[in-house]
Protein backbone atom coordinates (compact mmCIF):
# COMPACT_ATOMS: atom_id res chain seq x y z
CA MET A 1 -0.89 -14.33 -37.70
CA VAL A 2 -0.59 -18.09 -37.49
CA VAL A 3 -1.11 -19.78 -34.13
CA ILE A 4 -0.78 -23.29 -32.74
CA ARG A 5 -3.79 -23.96 -30.55
CA LEU A 6 -6.33 -26.52 -29.37
CA SER A 7 -9.49 -27.33 -31.31
CA ARG A 8 -12.15 -29.07 -29.24
CA GLY A 9 -13.92 -32.22 -30.30
CA GLY A 10 -15.55 -35.16 -28.58
CA ALA A 11 -18.88 -35.42 -26.84
CA LYS A 12 -20.38 -33.42 -24.01
CA GLY A 13 -18.48 -34.36 -20.85
CA ARG A 14 -15.82 -36.26 -22.84
CA PRO A 15 -13.48 -33.66 -24.34
CA PHE A 16 -10.90 -34.43 -27.00
CA PHE A 17 -8.59 -31.79 -28.43
CA ASN A 18 -6.70 -31.62 -31.71
CA ILE A 19 -3.53 -29.53 -31.72
CA VAL A 20 -3.82 -27.49 -34.91
CA VAL A 21 -2.02 -24.74 -36.79
CA ALA A 22 -4.57 -22.11 -37.78
CA ASP A 23 -5.00 -18.50 -38.77
CA LYS A 24 -5.74 -16.47 -35.65
CA ARG A 25 -8.86 -14.98 -37.27
CA MET A 26 -10.54 -18.39 -37.67
CA ARG A 27 -12.93 -19.77 -35.08
CA ARG A 28 -11.62 -22.18 -32.45
CA ASP A 29 -13.21 -25.22 -34.09
CA GLY A 30 -13.17 -23.76 -37.63
CA SER A 31 -10.85 -24.45 -40.51
CA PHE A 32 -7.15 -24.98 -39.88
CA ILE A 33 -3.95 -25.31 -41.88
CA GLU A 34 -2.53 -28.50 -40.38
CA ARG A 35 -3.20 -30.94 -37.53
CA VAL A 36 0.02 -31.57 -35.62
CA GLY A 37 -1.21 -33.74 -32.75
CA PHE A 38 -3.92 -34.46 -30.22
CA TYR A 39 -4.59 -34.27 -26.48
CA ASN A 40 -7.02 -36.54 -24.67
CA PRO A 41 -7.41 -35.35 -21.05
CA THR A 42 -9.65 -38.31 -20.15
CA ALA A 43 -7.24 -41.04 -21.36
CA LYS A 44 -7.21 -44.09 -19.10
CA GLY A 45 -5.08 -47.19 -18.92
CA GLY A 46 -3.29 -48.00 -22.17
CA GLU A 47 -4.80 -45.12 -24.14
CA GLN A 48 -2.45 -42.48 -25.42
CA GLY A 49 -3.23 -39.11 -23.89
CA LEU A 50 -0.90 -36.87 -25.87
CA ARG A 51 0.78 -37.12 -29.27
CA VAL A 52 2.66 -34.28 -30.97
CA ALA A 53 4.60 -34.21 -34.24
CA GLN A 54 7.58 -32.29 -32.86
CA ASP A 55 9.18 -31.83 -36.27
CA ARG A 56 6.10 -30.07 -37.64
CA VAL A 57 5.76 -27.89 -34.53
CA THR A 58 9.42 -26.89 -34.89
CA TYR A 59 8.84 -26.02 -38.54
CA TRP A 60 5.79 -23.87 -37.83
CA LYS A 61 7.56 -22.04 -35.00
CA SER A 62 10.51 -21.37 -37.32
CA VAL A 63 8.24 -19.61 -39.81
CA GLY A 64 6.64 -17.43 -37.12
CA ALA A 65 3.72 -19.36 -35.65
CA GLN A 66 3.07 -18.74 -31.96
CA ALA A 67 1.75 -21.40 -29.59
CA SER A 68 -0.99 -20.69 -27.09
CA PRO A 69 -0.02 -20.97 -23.39
CA THR A 70 -1.84 -24.29 -23.03
CA VAL A 71 -0.14 -25.73 -26.10
CA GLU A 72 3.25 -24.55 -24.78
CA ARG A 73 2.57 -26.48 -21.56
CA LEU A 74 1.58 -29.59 -23.55
CA LEU A 75 4.69 -29.31 -25.73
CA LYS A 76 6.90 -29.25 -22.64
CA GLN A 77 5.00 -32.24 -21.27
CA SER A 78 5.46 -34.09 -24.55
CA ALA A 79 9.19 -33.35 -24.58
CA THR A 80 9.62 -34.77 -21.07
CA GLN A 81 7.67 -37.90 -22.05
CA ALA A 82 9.88 -38.39 -25.10
CA ALA A 83 13.03 -37.99 -23.01
CA ALA A 84 11.90 -40.58 -20.44
């Protein structure tokens, strides 16, 4: 099964997450098929905290990929930002 989930990066105490499409059997930070965005929970000021390639997410969902609950929440957040 293919999933859309977060892959952690960054330093200790300064998390940074890539939103990736990966095989469910791979490790969280292991190999992935495609990077479709990022999430920076510690973004301040003019830094961008969330970026998602909505067209690629739509494609992967159309071929059967399932998003994790956290990624679903971020996708909704991204959609509201794009609408505003």
